[in-house]
């Protein structure tokens, strides 16, 4: 059994950043972040064909889109 009594004790504060950027975009557009189907894309001229930068949870589950997907995927 390990003795943890000599280990340092610290407090941690964590924020869940899951879908943070897509949630911010939804709020900016007066959409509900939990139900909106939002995908934030980069411009095609920057990456050759565009890249998904942020995807709302609904769009992820409904369409199977992930971050860093390409439009052709």
N, C-alpha and C. Protein backbone atom coordinates (compact mmCIF):
# COMPACT_ATOMS: atom_id res chain seq x y z
N UNK A 1 0.84 -1.18 0.00
CA UNK A 1 0.00 0.00 0.00
C UNK A 1 0.89 1.24 0.00
N UNK A 2 0.54 2.22 -0.81
CA UNK A 2 1.32 3.45 -0.90
C UNK A 2 0.91 4.44 0.18
N UNK A 3 1.91 5.15 0.71
CA UNK A 3 1.65 6.18 1.72
C UNK A 3 1.65 7.54 1.03
N UNK A 4 0.48 8.11 0.86
CA UNK A 4 0.35 9.39 0.17
C UNK A 4 0.45 10.58 1.12
N UNK A 5 0.67 10.36 2.38
CA UNK A 5 0.69 11.45 3.35
C UNK A 5 1.84 12.43 3.12
N UNK A 6 2.90 12.01 2.46
CA UNK A 6 4.04 12.89 2.23
C UNK A 6 4.01 13.56 0.86
N UNK A 7 2.99 13.24 0.08
CA UNK A 7 2.84 13.86 -1.24
C UNK A 7 2.28 15.27 -1.09
N UNK A 8 2.64 16.18 -2.01
CA UNK A 8 2.09 17.54 -1.93
C UNK A 8 0.58 17.53 -2.16
N UNK A 9 -0.10 18.43 -1.48
CA UNK A 9 -1.55 18.55 -1.61
C UNK A 9 -1.83 19.85 -2.35
N UNK A 10 -2.57 19.76 -3.44
CA UNK A 10 -2.90 20.93 -4.25
C UNK A 10 -4.39 20.92 -4.58
N UNK A 11 -4.91 22.09 -4.84
CA UNK A 11 -6.28 22.22 -5.33
C UNK A 11 -6.23 22.49 -6.82
N UNK A 12 -7.15 21.90 -7.56
CA UNK A 12 -7.21 22.09 -9.00
C UNK A 12 -8.60 22.53 -9.39
N UNK A 13 -8.67 23.41 -10.36
CA UNK A 13 -9.93 23.88 -10.90
C UNK A 13 -9.93 23.59 -12.39
N UNK A 14 -10.89 22.81 -12.85
CA UNK A 14 -10.93 22.41 -14.26
C UNK A 14 -12.20 22.94 -14.91
N UNK A 15 -12.07 23.32 -16.15
CA UNK A 15 -13.21 23.76 -16.94
C UNK A 15 -13.32 22.83 -18.14
N UNK A 16 -14.51 22.31 -18.36
CA UNK A 16 -14.74 21.42 -19.50
C UNK A 16 -14.78 22.26 -20.77
N UNK A 17 -13.82 22.06 -21.65
CA UNK A 17 -13.73 22.86 -22.88
C UNK A 17 -14.29 22.11 -24.08
N UNK A 18 -15.04 21.04 -23.85
CA UNK A 18 -15.61 20.27 -24.94
C UNK A 18 -16.53 21.15 -25.77
N UNK A 19 -16.26 21.24 -27.02
CA UNK A 19 -17.07 22.03 -27.97
C UNK A 19 -17.15 23.50 -27.58
N UNK A 20 -16.14 24.02 -26.90
CA UNK A 20 -16.17 25.41 -26.42
C UNK A 20 -16.33 26.40 -27.57
N UNK A 21 -15.50 26.29 -28.59
CA UNK A 21 -15.53 27.27 -29.67
C UNK A 21 -16.84 27.23 -30.46
N UNK A 22 -17.38 26.05 -30.68
CA UNK A 22 -18.67 25.98 -31.38
C UNK A 22 -19.78 26.52 -30.49
N UNK A 23 -19.68 26.32 -29.18
CA UNK A 23 -20.67 26.87 -28.25
C UNK A 23 -20.64 28.39 -28.26
N UNK A 24 -19.45 28.97 -28.31
CA UNK A 24 -19.32 30.43 -28.37
C UNK A 24 -19.95 30.96 -29.66
N UNK A 25 -19.69 30.30 -30.77
CA UNK A 25 -20.29 30.71 -32.05
C UNK A 25 -21.81 30.62 -32.00
N UNK A 26 -22.33 29.58 -31.39
CA UNK A 26 -23.79 29.44 -31.27
C UNK A 26 -24.38 30.58 -30.46
N UNK A 27 -23.77 30.90 -29.34
CA UNK A 27 -24.27 31.99 -28.50
C UNK A 27 -24.20 33.31 -29.25
N UNK A 28 -23.12 33.54 -29.99
CA UNK A 28 -22.99 34.77 -30.78
C UNK A 28 -24.10 34.89 -31.83
N UNK A 29 -24.60 33.76 -32.30
CA UNK A 29 -25.63 33.74 -33.35
C UNK A 29 -27.03 33.47 -32.78
N UNK A 30 -27.16 33.58 -31.44
CA UNK A 30 -28.44 33.34 -30.76
C UNK A 30 -29.01 31.95 -31.03
N UNK A 31 -28.13 30.96 -31.06
CA UNK A 31 -28.53 29.56 -31.24
C UNK A 31 -28.31 28.81 -29.93
N UNK A 32 -29.05 27.76 -29.71
CA UNK A 32 -28.86 26.92 -28.53
C UNK A 32 -27.67 25.99 -28.79
N UNK A 33 -26.58 26.11 -28.02
CA UNK A 33 -25.40 25.28 -28.26
C UNK A 33 -25.64 23.78 -28.13
N UNK A 34 -26.69 23.39 -27.41
CA UNK A 34 -26.95 21.96 -27.21
C UNK A 34 -27.76 21.34 -28.33
N UNK A 35 -28.43 22.17 -29.15
CA UNK A 35 -29.26 21.62 -30.22
C UNK A 35 -28.86 22.09 -31.61
N UNK A 36 -28.05 23.13 -31.71
CA UNK A 36 -27.67 23.68 -33.02
C UNK A 36 -26.74 22.73 -33.76
N UNK A 37 -26.89 22.68 -35.06
CA UNK A 37 -25.99 21.89 -35.92
C UNK A 37 -25.01 22.86 -36.57
N UNK A 38 -23.95 23.19 -35.85
CA UNK A 38 -23.01 24.21 -36.29
C UNK A 38 -21.66 23.60 -36.60
N UNK A 39 -21.08 23.99 -37.72
CA UNK A 39 -19.73 23.57 -38.10
C UNK A 39 -18.96 24.83 -38.48
N UNK A 40 -17.81 25.05 -37.85
CA UNK A 40 -16.96 26.19 -38.17
C UNK A 40 -15.82 25.68 -39.04
N UNK A 41 -15.69 26.25 -40.23
CA UNK A 41 -14.69 25.80 -41.21
C UNK A 41 -13.63 26.88 -41.45
N UNK A 42 -12.43 26.44 -41.78
CA UNK A 42 -11.40 27.38 -42.24
C UNK A 42 -11.64 27.67 -43.72
N UNK A 43 -11.00 28.70 -44.18
CA UNK A 43 -11.12 29.04 -45.61
C UNK A 43 -10.32 28.04 -46.44
N UNK A 44 -10.85 27.70 -47.59
CA UNK A 44 -10.20 26.71 -48.45
C UNK A 44 -8.84 27.19 -48.95
N UNK A 45 -8.68 28.49 -49.17
CA UNK A 45 -7.41 28.98 -49.71
C UNK A 45 -6.27 28.89 -48.69
N UNK A 46 -6.60 28.70 -47.41
CA UNK A 46 -5.56 28.55 -46.39
C UNK A 46 -5.03 27.12 -46.31
N UNK A 47 -5.89 26.14 -46.58
CA UNK A 47 -5.50 24.74 -46.37
C UNK A 47 -5.66 23.86 -47.60
N UNK A 48 -6.06 24.44 -48.69
CA UNK A 48 -6.25 23.65 -49.90
C UNK A 48 -7.69 23.23 -50.12
N UNK A 49 -8.37 22.80 -49.05
CA UNK A 49 -9.77 22.41 -49.21
C UNK A 49 -10.63 22.78 -48.01
N UNK A 50 -10.07 23.46 -47.05
CA UNK A 50 -10.82 23.81 -45.84
C UNK A 50 -10.68 22.73 -44.78
N UNK A 51 -10.90 23.11 -43.54
CA UNK A 51 -10.74 22.21 -42.41
C UNK A 51 -11.79 22.56 -41.37
N UNK A 52 -12.41 21.56 -40.74
CA UNK A 52 -13.34 21.86 -39.66
C UNK A 52 -12.54 22.26 -38.43
N UNK A 53 -12.87 23.41 -37.88
CA UNK A 53 -12.17 23.93 -36.71
C UNK A 53 -12.95 23.66 -35.43
N UNK A 54 -14.28 23.70 -35.52
CA UNK A 54 -15.13 23.45 -34.35
C UNK A 54 -16.45 22.86 -34.82
N UNK A 55 -16.96 21.91 -34.05
CA UNK A 55 -18.21 21.23 -34.41
C UNK A 55 -19.08 21.12 -33.15
N UNK A 56 -20.34 21.47 -33.28
CA UNK A 56 -21.26 21.36 -32.14
C UNK A 56 -21.52 19.89 -31.84
N UNK A 57 -21.89 19.57 -30.59
CA UNK A 57 -22.17 18.17 -30.23
C UNK A 57 -23.26 17.54 -31.10
N UNK A 58 -24.29 18.31 -31.46
CA UNK A 58 -25.36 17.77 -32.30
C UNK A 58 -24.85 17.41 -33.68
N UNK A 59 -24.04 18.28 -34.28
CA UNK A 59 -23.49 17.99 -35.61
C UNK A 59 -22.54 16.79 -35.56
N UNK A 60 -21.79 16.67 -34.47
CA UNK A 60 -20.89 15.52 -34.32
C UNK A 60 -21.68 14.21 -34.31
N UNK A 61 -22.74 14.18 -33.50
CA UNK A 61 -23.48 12.93 -33.38
C UNK A 61 -24.36 12.64 -34.59
N UNK A 62 -24.95 13.68 -35.18
CA UNK A 62 -25.87 13.47 -36.30
C UNK A 62 -25.14 13.15 -37.61
N UNK A 63 -24.02 13.83 -37.85
CA UNK A 63 -23.33 13.68 -39.14
C UNK A 63 -21.99 12.96 -39.04
N UNK A 64 -21.53 12.66 -37.83
CA UNK A 64 -20.25 11.97 -37.67
C UNK A 64 -19.05 12.85 -37.99
N UNK A 65 -19.23 14.16 -37.91
CA UNK A 65 -18.15 15.10 -38.21
C UNK A 65 -17.25 15.22 -36.99
N UNK A 66 -15.95 15.29 -37.22
CA UNK A 66 -15.01 15.51 -36.12
C UNK A 66 -14.21 16.77 -36.42
N UNK A 67 -13.53 17.26 -35.39
CA UNK A 67 -12.62 18.39 -35.62
C UNK A 67 -11.52 17.92 -36.56
N UNK A 68 -11.02 18.81 -37.34
CA UNK A 68 -9.99 18.60 -38.37
C UNK A 68 -10.43 17.66 -39.49
N UNK A 69 -11.74 17.49 -39.67
CA UNK A 69 -12.22 16.79 -40.87
C UNK A 69 -12.12 17.75 -42.04
N UNK A 70 -12.14 17.21 -43.22
CA UNK A 70 -12.15 18.04 -44.43
C UNK A 70 -13.55 17.96 -45.04
N UNK A 71 -13.95 18.96 -45.80
CA UNK A 71 -15.29 18.95 -46.39
C UNK A 71 -15.58 17.70 -47.21
N UNK A 72 -14.58 17.16 -47.86
CA UNK A 72 -14.81 15.98 -48.71
C UNK A 72 -15.04 14.71 -47.88
N UNK A 73 -14.66 14.75 -46.59
CA UNK A 73 -14.86 13.58 -45.72
C UNK A 73 -16.32 13.48 -45.38
